Amino acid sequence: KRHFSANCFRLRSTMVVAANGDVPLCCYDKNCQHS
């Protein structure tokens, strides 16, 4: 239902770190494909 927002705030505000230390692009990058 939500329209895509090009100005994604999450990418500016939050660093995500996986258990092995990889930094995915955001929390939706669950397999760290965009590390």
PDB file of all heavy atoms in Angstrom:
ATOM      1  N   LYS A   1       0.836  -1.202   0.000  1.00  0.00           N
ATOM      2  CA  LYS A   1       0.000   0.000   0.000  1.00  0.00           C
ATOM      3  C   LYS A   1       0.870   1.252   0.000  1.00  0.00           C
ATOM      4  O   LYS A   1       0.497   2.282  -0.532  1.00  0.00           O
ATOM      5  CB  LYS A   1      -0.890   0.016   1.241  1.00  0.00           C
ATOM      6  CG  LYS A   1      -1.944  -1.075   1.278  1.00  0.00           C
ATOM      7  CD  LYS A   1      -2.727  -0.951   2.577  1.00  0.00           C
ATOM      8  CE  LYS A   1      -3.786  -2.014   2.699  1.00  0.00           C
ATOM      9  NZ  LYS A   1      -4.507  -1.914   3.995  1.00  0.00           N
ATOM     10  N   ARG A   2       2.023   1.115   0.630  1.00  0.00           N
ATOM     11  CA  ARG A   2       2.909   2.268   0.772  1.00  0.00           C
ATOM     12  C   ARG A   2       3.599   2.571  -0.547  1.00  0.00           C
ATOM     13  O   ARG A   2       4.151   1.695  -1.196  1.00  0.00           O
ATOM     14  CB  ARG A   2       3.967   1.972   1.843  1.00  0.00           C
ATOM     15  CG  ARG A   2       5.092   2.969   1.936  1.00  0.00           C
ATOM     16  CD  ARG A   2       6.133   2.482   2.939  1.00  0.00           C
ATOM     17  NE  ARG A   2       7.340   3.286   2.875  1.00  0.00           N
ATOM     18  CZ  ARG A   2       8.335   3.040   2.047  1.00  0.00           C
ATOM     19  NH1 ARG A   2       8.282   2.032   1.215  1.00  0.00           N
ATOM     20  NH2 ARG A   2       9.413   3.821   2.049  1.00  0.00           N
ATOM     21  N   HIS A   3       3.553   3.832  -0.947  1.00  0.00           N
ATOM     22  CA  HIS A   3       4.269   4.250  -2.148  1.00  0.00           C
ATOM     23  C   HIS A   3       5.758   4.365  -1.832  1.00  0.00           C
ATOM     24  O   HIS A   3       6.147   4.832  -0.764  1.00  0.00           O
ATOM     25  CB  HIS A   3       3.729   5.587  -2.651  1.00  0.00           C
ATOM     26  CG  HIS A   3       2.311   5.524  -3.123  1.00  0.00           C
ATOM     27  ND1 HIS A   3       1.920   4.784  -4.213  1.00  0.00           N
ATOM     28  CD2 HIS A   3       1.174   6.099  -2.623  1.00  0.00           C
ATOM     29  CE1 HIS A   3       0.622   4.906  -4.391  1.00  0.00           C
ATOM     30  NE2 HIS A   3       0.143   5.700  -3.434  1.00  0.00           N
ATOM     31  N   PHE A   4       6.574   3.939  -2.775  1.00  0.00           N
ATOM     32  CA  PHE A   4       8.015   3.983  -2.586  1.00  0.00           C
ATOM     33  C   PHE A   4       8.492   5.410  -2.359  1.00  0.00           C
ATOM     34  O   PHE A   4       8.126   6.323  -3.089  1.00  0.00           O
ATOM     35  CB  PHE A   4       8.728   3.381  -3.806  1.00  0.00           C
ATOM     36  CG  PHE A   4      10.215   3.550  -3.773  1.00  0.00           C
ATOM     37  CD1 PHE A   4      10.985   2.808  -2.905  1.00  0.00           C
ATOM     38  CD2 PHE A   4      10.847   4.487  -4.592  1.00  0.00           C
ATOM     39  CE1 PHE A   4      12.371   2.968  -2.855  1.00  0.00           C
ATOM     40  CE2 PHE A   4      12.214   4.649  -4.558  1.00  0.00           C
ATOM     41  CZ  PHE A   4      12.976   3.884  -3.685  1.00  0.00           C
ATOM     42  N   SER A   5       9.300   5.607  -1.329  1.00  0.00           N
ATOM     43  CA  SER A   5       9.867   6.917  -1.039  1.00  0.00           C
ATOM     44  C   SER A   5      11.342   6.916  -1.413  1.00  0.00           C
ATOM     45  O   SER A   5      12.140   6.197  -0.813  1.00  0.00           O
ATOM     46  CB  SER A   5       9.709   7.252   0.445  1.00  0.00           C
ATOM     47  OG  SER A   5      10.381   8.452   0.762  1.00  0.00           O
ATOM     48  N   ALA A   6      11.683   7.713  -2.417  1.00  0.00           N
ATOM     49  CA  ALA A   6      13.076   7.759  -2.863  1.00  0.00           C
ATOM     50  C   ALA A   6      13.987   8.336  -1.782  1.00  0.00           C
ATOM     51  O   ALA A   6      15.173   8.025  -1.731  1.00  0.00           O
ATOM     52  CB  ALA A   6      13.188   8.582  -4.139  1.00  0.00           C
ATOM     53  N   ASN A   7      13.417   9.154  -0.899  1.00  0.00           N
ATOM     54  CA  ASN A   7      14.230   9.782   0.151  1.00  0.00           C
ATOM     55  C   ASN A   7      14.192   8.917   1.407  1.00  0.00           C
ATOM     56  O   ASN A   7      13.638   9.308   2.436  1.00  0.00           O
ATOM     57  CB  ASN A   7      13.710  11.194   0.437  1.00  0.00           C
ATOM     58  CG  ASN A   7      14.655  11.987   1.318  1.00  0.00           C
ATOM     59  OD1 ASN A   7      15.852  11.715   1.352  1.00  0.00           O
ATOM     60  ND2 ASN A   7      14.125  12.955   2.032  1.00  0.00           N
ATOM     61  N   CYS A   8      14.761   7.720   1.319  1.00  0.00           N
ATOM     62  CA  CYS A   8      14.701   6.748   2.416  1.00  0.00           C
ATOM     63  C   CYS A   8      15.500   7.259   3.626  1.00  0.00           C
ATOM     64  O   CYS A   8      16.720   7.375   3.572  1.00  0.00           O
ATOM     65  CB  CYS A   8      15.249   5.406   1.954  1.00  0.00           C
ATOM     66  SG  CYS A   8      15.231   4.141   3.254  1.00  0.00           S
ATOM     67  N   PHE A   9      14.788   7.530   4.713  1.00  0.00           N
ATOM     68  CA  PHE A   9      15.415   8.073   5.916  1.00  0.00           C
ATOM     69  C   PHE A   9      16.298   7.036   6.596  1.00  0.00           C
ATOM     70  O   PHE A   9      17.332   7.359   7.181  1.00  0.00           O
ATOM     71  CB  PHE A   9      14.326   8.556   6.874  1.00  0.00           C
ATOM     72  CG  PHE A   9      14.854   9.256   8.104  1.00  0.00           C
ATOM     73  CD1 PHE A   9      15.322  10.555   8.027  1.00  0.00           C
ATOM     74  CD2 PHE A   9      14.881   8.608   9.330  1.00  0.00           C
ATOM     75  CE1 PHE A   9      15.810  11.210   9.154  1.00  0.00           C
ATOM     76  CE2 PHE A   9      15.361   9.253  10.466  1.00  0.00           C
ATOM     77  CZ  PHE A   9      15.823  10.558  10.377  1.00  0.00           C
ATOM     78  N   ARG A  10      15.890   5.782   6.498  1.00  0.00           N
ATOM     79  CA  ARG A  10      16.610   4.704   7.173  1.00  0.00           C
ATOM     80  C   ARG A  10      18.061   4.616   6.717  1.00  0.00           C
ATOM     81  O   ARG A  10      18.963   4.320   7.500  1.00  0.00           O
ATOM     82  CB  ARG A  10      15.882   3.379   6.901  1.00  0.00           C
ATOM     83  CG  ARG A  10      16.209   2.247   7.836  1.00  0.00           C
ATOM     84  CD  ARG A  10      15.383   1.017   7.496  1.00  0.00           C
ATOM     85  NE  ARG A  10      14.134   0.965   8.214  1.00  0.00           N
ATOM     86  CZ  ARG A  10      12.982   0.558   7.716  1.00  0.00           C
ATOM     87  NH1 ARG A  10      12.901   0.213   6.450  1.00  0.00           N
ATOM     88  NH2 ARG A  10      11.906   0.507   8.453  1.00  0.00           N
ATOM     89  N   LEU A  11      18.296   4.884   5.436  1.00  0.00           N
ATOM     90  CA  LEU A  11      19.654   4.804   4.896  1.00  0.00           C
ATOM     91  C   LEU A  11      20.554   5.906   5.422  1.00  0.00           C
ATOM     92  O   LEU A  11      21.772   5.792   5.388  1.00  0.00           O
ATOM     93  CB  LEU A  11      19.619   4.863   3.363  1.00  0.00           C
ATOM     94  CG  LEU A  11      18.916   3.713   2.643  1.00  0.00           C
ATOM     95  CD1 LEU A  11      19.063   3.871   1.141  1.00  0.00           C
ATOM     96  CD2 LEU A  11      19.451   2.363   3.094  1.00  0.00           C
ATOM     97  N   ARG A  12      19.956   6.999   5.904  1.00  0.00           N
ATOM     98  CA  ARG A  12      20.723   8.107   6.443  1.00  0.00           C
ATOM     99  C   ARG A  12      20.936   8.001   7.954  1.00  0.00           C
ATOM    100  O   ARG A  12      21.816   8.654   8.497  1.00  0.00           O
ATOM    101  CB  ARG A  12      20.010   9.439   6.161  1.00  0.00           C
ATOM    102  CG  ARG A  12      19.804   9.776   4.713  1.00  0.00           C
ATOM    103  CD  ARG A  12      19.099  11.125   4.577  1.00  0.00           C
ATOM    104  NE  ARG A  12      18.734  11.425   3.200  1.00  0.00           N
ATOM    105  CZ  ARG A  12      19.517  12.064   2.344  1.00  0.00           C
ATOM    106  NH1 ARG A  12      20.714  12.471   2.727  1.00  0.00           N
ATOM    107  NH2 ARG A  12      19.113  12.309   1.115  1.00  0.00           N
ATOM    108  N   SER A  13      20.095   7.221   8.613  1.00  0.00           N
ATOM    109  CA  SER A  13      20.051   7.279  10.076  1.00  0.00           C
ATOM    110  C   SER A  13      20.581   6.055  10.804  1.00  0.00           C
ATOM    111  O   SER A  13      21.007   6.164  11.954  1.00  0.00           O
ATOM    112  CB  SER A  13      18.609   7.512  10.537  1.00  0.00           C
ATOM    113  OG  SER A  13      17.776   6.419  10.174  1.00  0.00           O
ATOM    114  N   THR A  14      20.564   4.883  10.163  1.00  0.00           N
ATOM    115  CA  THR A  14      20.818   3.636  10.886  1.00  0.00           C
ATOM    116  C   THR A  14      21.901   2.796  10.245  1.00  0.00           C
ATOM    117  O   THR A  14      21.850   2.521   9.035  1.00  0.00           O
ATOM    118  CB  THR A  14      19.523   2.799  10.979  1.00  0.00           C
ATOM    119  OG1 THR A  14      18.488   3.590  11.558  1.00  0.00           O
ATOM    120  CG2 THR A  14      19.749   1.551  11.821  1.00  0.00           C
ATOM    121  N   MET A  15      22.864   2.366  11.048  1.00  0.00           N
ATOM    122  CA  MET A  15      23.829   1.375  10.600  1.00  0.00           C
ATOM    123  C   MET A  15      23.388   0.016  11.122  1.00  0.00           C
ATOM    124  O   MET A  15      23.034  -0.136  12.293  1.00  0.00           O
ATOM    125  CB  MET A  15      25.248   1.670  11.082  1.00  0.00           C
ATOM    126  CG  MET A  15      26.237   0.553  10.724  1.00  0.00           C
ATOM    127  SD  MET A  15      27.980   0.911  11.134  1.00  0.00           S
ATOM    128  CE  MET A  15      28.468   1.835   9.679  1.00  0.00           C
ATOM    129  N   VAL A  16      23.415  -0.970  10.235  1.00  0.00           N
ATOM    130  CA  VAL A  16      23.032  -2.343  10.581  1.00  0.00           C
ATOM    131  C   VAL A  16      24.272  -3.215  10.516  1.00  0.00           C
ATOM    132  O   VAL A  16      25.058  -3.120   9.567  1.00  0.00           O
ATOM    133  CB  VAL A  16      21.956  -2.877   9.604  1.00  0.00           C
ATOM    134  CG1 VAL A  16      21.527  -4.282   9.996  1.00  0.00           C
ATOM    135  CG2 VAL A  16      20.746  -1.938   9.570  1.00  0.00           C
ATOM    136  N   VAL A  17      24.462  -4.056  11.542  1.00  0.00           N
ATOM    137  CA  VAL A  17      25.644  -4.925  11.589  1.00  0.00           C
ATOM    138  C   VAL A  17      25.198  -6.365  11.833  1.00  0.00           C
ATOM    139  O   VAL A  17      24.538  -6.659  12.836  1.00  0.00           O
ATOM    140  CB  VAL A  17      26.633  -4.485  12.682  1.00  0.00           C
ATOM    141  CG1 VAL A  17      27.861  -5.403  12.691  1.00  0.00           C
ATOM    142  CG2 VAL A  17      27.063  -3.034  12.477  1.00  0.00           C
ATOM    143  N   ALA A  18      25.532  -7.252  10.903  1.00  0.00           N
ATOM    144  CA  ALA A  18      25.194  -8.666  11.028  1.00  0.00           C
ATOM    145  C   ALA A  18      26.124  -9.354  12.021  1.00  0.00           C
ATOM    146  O   ALA A  18      27.143  -8.791  12.446  1.00  0.00           O
ATOM    147  CB  ALA A  18      25.271  -9.343   9.660  1.00  0.00           C
ATOM    148  N   ALA A  19      25.789 -10.576  12.385  1.00  0.00           N
ATOM    149  CA  ALA A  19      26.517 -11.297  13.435  1.00  0.00           C
ATOM    150  C   ALA A  19      28.006 -11.450  13.126  1.00  0.00           C
ATOM    151  O   ALA A  19      28.835 -11.464  14.039  1.00  0.00           O
ATOM    152  CB  ALA A  19      25.874 -12.670  13.656  1.00  0.00           C
ATOM    153  N   ASN A  20      28.371 -11.552  11.856  1.00  0.00           N
ATOM    154  CA  ASN A  20      29.780 -11.733  11.494  1.00  0.00           C
ATOM    155  C   ASN A  20      30.513 -10.418  11.253  1.00  0.00           C
ATOM    156  O   ASN A  20      31.677 -10.417  10.881  1.00  0.00           O
ATOM    157  CB  ASN A  20      29.884 -12.615  10.251  1.00  0.00           C
ATOM    158  CG  ASN A  20      29.377 -11.930   8.991  1.00  0.00           C
ATOM    159  OD1 ASN A  20      28.646 -10.943   9.077  1.00  0.00           O
ATOM    160  ND2 ASN A  20      29.757 -12.447   7.834  1.00  0.00           N
ATOM    161  N   GLY A  21      29.805  -9.278  11.440  1.00  0.00           N
ATOM    162  CA  GLY A  21      30.435  -7.988  11.249  1.00  0.00           C
ATOM    163  C   GLY A  21      30.133  -7.324   9.927  1.00  0.00           C
ATOM    164  O   GLY A  21      30.492  -6.157   9.718  1.00  0.00           O
ATOM    165  N   ASP A  22      29.475  -8.039   9.001  1.00  0.00           N
ATOM    166  CA  ASP A  22      29.094  -7.419   7.733  1.00  0.00           C
ATOM    167  C   ASP A  22      28.095  -6.295   7.983  1.00  0.00           C
ATOM    168  O   ASP A  22      27.270  -6.373   8.901  1.00  0.00           O
ATOM    169  CB  ASP A  22      28.462  -8.454   6.793  1.00  0.00           C
ATOM    170  CG  ASP A  22      29.495  -9.339   6.115  1.00  0.00           C
ATOM    171  OD1 ASP A  22      30.690  -8.976   6.135  1.00  0.00           O
ATOM    172  OD2 ASP A  22      29.120 -10.397   5.582  1.00  0.00           O
ATOM    173  N   VAL A  23      28.163  -5.265   7.137  1.00  0.00           N
ATOM    174  CA  VAL A  23      27.261  -4.115   7.249  1.00  0.00           C
ATOM    175  C   VAL A  23      26.344  -4.101   6.030  1.00  0.00           C
ATOM    176  O   VAL A  23      26.729  -3.612   4.954  1.00  0.00           O
ATOM    177  CB  VAL A  23      28.053  -2.798   7.348  1.00  0.00           C
ATOM    178  CG1 VAL A  23      27.094  -1.604   7.434  1.00  0.00           C
ATOM    179  CG2 VAL A  23      28.986  -2.825   8.551  1.00  0.00           C
ATOM    180  N   PRO A  24      25.132  -4.652   6.132  1.00  0.00           N
ATOM    181  CA  PRO A  24      24.198  -4.593   5.008  1.00  0.00           C
ATOM    182  C   PRO A  24      23.701  -3.177   4.803  1.00  0.00           C
ATOM    183  O   PRO A  24      23.809  -2.316   5.684  1.00  0.00           O
ATOM    184  CB  PRO A  24      23.058  -5.527   5.451  1.00  0.00           C
ATOM    185  CG  PRO A  24      23.122  -5.519   6.940  1.00  0.00           C
ATOM    186  CD  PRO A  24      24.576  -5.352   7.296  1.00  0.00           C
ATOM    187  N   LEU A  25      23.138  -2.932   3.634  1.00  0.00           N
ATOM    188  CA  LEU A  25      22.662  -1.590   3.314  1.00  0.00           C
ATOM    189  C   LEU A  25      21.586  -1.132   4.293  1.00  0.00           C
ATOM    190  O   LEU A  25      21.568   0.023   4.722  1.00  0.00           O
ATOM    191  CB  LEU A  25      22.127  -1.568   1.874  1.00  0.00           C
ATOM    192  CG  LEU A  25      21.682  -0.217   1.316  1.00  0.00           C
ATOM    193  CD1 LEU A  25      22.824   0.788   1.337  1.00  0.00           C
ATOM    194  CD2 LEU A  25      21.167  -0.395  -0.117  1.00  0.00           C
ATOM    195  N   CYS A  26      20.682  -2.038   4.662  1.00  0.00           N
ATOM    196  CA  CYS A  26      19.663  -1.733   5.668  1.00  0.00           C
ATOM    197  C   CYS A  26      19.115  -3.046   6.202  1.00  0.00           C
ATOM    198  O   CYS A  26      19.554  -4.127   5.804  1.00  0.00           O
ATOM    199  CB  CYS A  26      18.546  -0.858   5.085  1.00  0.00           C
ATOM    200  SG  CYS A  26      17.308  -1.770   4.137  1.00  0.00           S
ATOM    201  N   CYS A  27      18.136  -2.975   7.093  1.00  0.00           N
ATOM    202  CA  CYS A  27      17.621  -4.179   7.735  1.00  0.00           C
ATOM    203  C   CYS A  27      16.843  -5.075   6.773  1.00  0.00           C
ATOM    204  O   CYS A  27      16.573  -6.237   7.086  1.00  0.00           O
ATOM    205  CB  CYS A  27      16.750  -3.814   8.945  1.00  0.00           C
ATOM    206  SG  CYS A  27      15.317  -2.794   8.547  1.00  0.00           S
ATOM    207  N   TYR A  28      16.460  -4.562   5.612  1.00  0.00           N
ATOM    208  CA  TYR A  28      15.781  -5.396   4.611  1.00  0.00           C
ATOM    209  C   TYR A  28      16.776  -6.158   3.732  1.00  0.00           C
ATOM    210  O   TYR A  28      16.380  -7.013   2.948  1.00  0.00           O
ATOM    211  CB  TYR A  28      14.859  -4.538   3.743  1.00  0.00           C
ATOM    212  CG  TYR A  28      13.513  -4.307   4.389  1.00  0.00           C
ATOM    213  CD1 TYR A  28      13.358  -3.332   5.361  1.00  0.00           C
ATOM    214  CD2 TYR A  28      12.402  -5.078   4.055  1.00  0.00           C
ATOM    215  CE1 TYR A  28      12.138  -3.123   5.973  1.00  0.00           C
ATOM    216  CE2 TYR A  28      11.179  -4.890   4.659  1.00  0.00           C
ATOM    217  CZ  TYR A  28      11.048  -3.904   5.626  1.00  0.00           C
ATOM    218  OH  TYR A  28       9.840  -3.704   6.242  1.00  0.00           O
ATOM    219  N   ASP A  29      18.047  -5.853   3.874  1.00  0.00           N
ATOM    220  CA  ASP A  29      19.093  -6.557   3.131  1.00  0.00           C
ATOM    221  C   ASP A  29      19.506  -7.780   3.963  1.00  0.00           C
ATOM    222  O   ASP A  29      20.616  -7.848   4.497  1.00  0.00           O
ATOM    223  CB  ASP A  29      20.274  -5.619   2.884  1.00  0.00           C
ATOM    224  CG  ASP A  29      21.351  -6.225   2.003  1.00  0.00           C
ATOM    225  OD1 ASP A  29      21.103  -7.294   1.410  1.00  0.00           O
ATOM    226  OD2 ASP A  29      22.442  -5.637   1.928  1.00  0.00           O
ATOM    227  N   LYS A  30      18.618  -8.742   4.074  1.00  0.00           N
ATOM    228  CA  LYS A  30      18.769  -9.803   5.062  1.00  0.00           C
ATOM    229  C   LYS A  30      19.894 -10.779   4.749  1.00  0.00           C
ATOM    230  O   LYS A  30      20.441 -11.410   5.652  1.00  0.00           O
ATOM    231  CB  LYS A  30      17.429 -10.526   5.230  1.00  0.00           C
ATOM    232  CG  LYS A  30      16.365  -9.585   5.768  1.00  0.00           C
ATOM    233  CD  LYS A  30      14.996 -10.208   5.823  1.00  0.00           C
ATOM    234  CE  LYS A  30      13.989  -9.174   6.303  1.00  0.00           C
ATOM    235  NZ  LYS A  30      12.615  -9.718   6.349  1.00  0.00           N
ATOM    236  N   ASN A  31      20.237 -10.909   3.493  1.00  0.00           N
ATOM    237  CA  ASN A  31      21.341 -11.787   3.116  1.00  0.00           C
ATOM    238  C   ASN A  31      22.624 -11.014   2.814  1.00  0.00           C
ATOM    239  O   ASN A  31      23.568 -11.568   2.255  1.00  0.00           O
ATOM    240  CB  ASN A  31      20.943 -12.647   1.910  1.00  0.00           C
ATOM    241  CG  ASN A  31      20.210 -13.908   2.327  1.00  0.00           C
ATOM    242  OD1 ASN A  31      20.702 -14.662   3.178  1.00  0.00           O
ATOM    243  ND2 ASN A  31      19.032 -14.132   1.770  1.00  0.00           N
ATOM    244  N   CYS A  32      22.647  -9.732   3.199  1.00  0.00           N
ATOM    245  CA  CYS A  32      23.835  -8.880   3.001  1.00  0.00           C
ATOM    246  C   CYS A  32      24.298  -8.873   1.549  1.00  0.00           C
ATOM    247  O   CYS A  32      25.496  -8.890   1.256  1.00  0.00           O
ATOM    248  CB  CYS A  32      24.977  -9.326   3.921  1.00  0.00           C
ATOM    249  SG  CYS A  32      24.612  -9.162   5.680  1.00  0.00           S
ATOM    250  N   GLN A  33      23.332  -8.831   0.637  1.00  0.00           N
ATOM    251  CA  GLN A  33      23.670  -8.803  -0.788  1.00  0.00           C
ATOM    252  C   GLN A  33      24.245  -7.454  -1.203  1.00  0.00           C
ATOM    253  O   GLN A  33      24.905  -7.344  -2.225  1.00  0.00           O
ATOM    254  CB  GLN A  33      22.419  -9.118  -1.615  1.00  0.00           C
ATOM    255  CG  GLN A  33      21.883 -10.521  -1.410  1.00  0.00           C
ATOM    256  CD  GLN A  33      20.519 -10.707  -2.054  1.00  0.00           C
ATOM    257  OE1 GLN A  33      19.569  -9.999  -1.754  1.00  0.00           O
ATOM    258  NE2 GLN A  33      20.442 -11.649  -2.961  1.00  0.00           N
ATOM    259  N   HIS A  34      23.950  -6.426  -0.404  1.00  0.00           N
ATOM    260  CA  HIS A  34      24.432  -5.080  -0.698  1.00  0.00           C
ATOM    261  C   HIS A  34      25.348  -4.613   0.437  1.00  0.00           C
ATOM    262  O   HIS A  34      25.221  -3.499   0.929  1.00  0.00           O
ATOM    263  CB  HIS A  34      23.258  -4.122  -0.881  1.00  0.00           C
ATOM    264  CG  HIS A  34      22.268  -4.556  -1.917  1.00  0.00           C
ATOM    265  ND1 HIS A  34      22.422  -4.259  -3.260  1.00  0.00           N
ATOM    266  CD2 HIS A  34      21.134  -5.292  -1.819  1.00  0.00           C
ATOM    267  CE1 HIS A  34      21.416  -4.777  -3.935  1.00  0.00           C
ATOM    268  NE2 HIS A  34      20.615  -5.401  -3.085  1.00  0.00           N
ATOM    269  N   SER A  35      26.252  -5.465   0.839  1.00  0.00           N
ATOM    270  CA  SER A  35      27.129  -5.168   1.975  1.00  0.00           C
ATOM    271  C   SER A  35      28.020  -3.963   1.692  1.00  0.00           C
ATOM    272  O   SER A  35      28.583  -3.818   0.601  1.00  0.00           O
ATOM    273  CB  SER A  35      27.998  -6.388   2.293  1.00  0.00           C
ATOM    274  OG  SER A  35      28.879  -6.101   3.361  1.00  0.00           O
TER     275      SER A  35
END
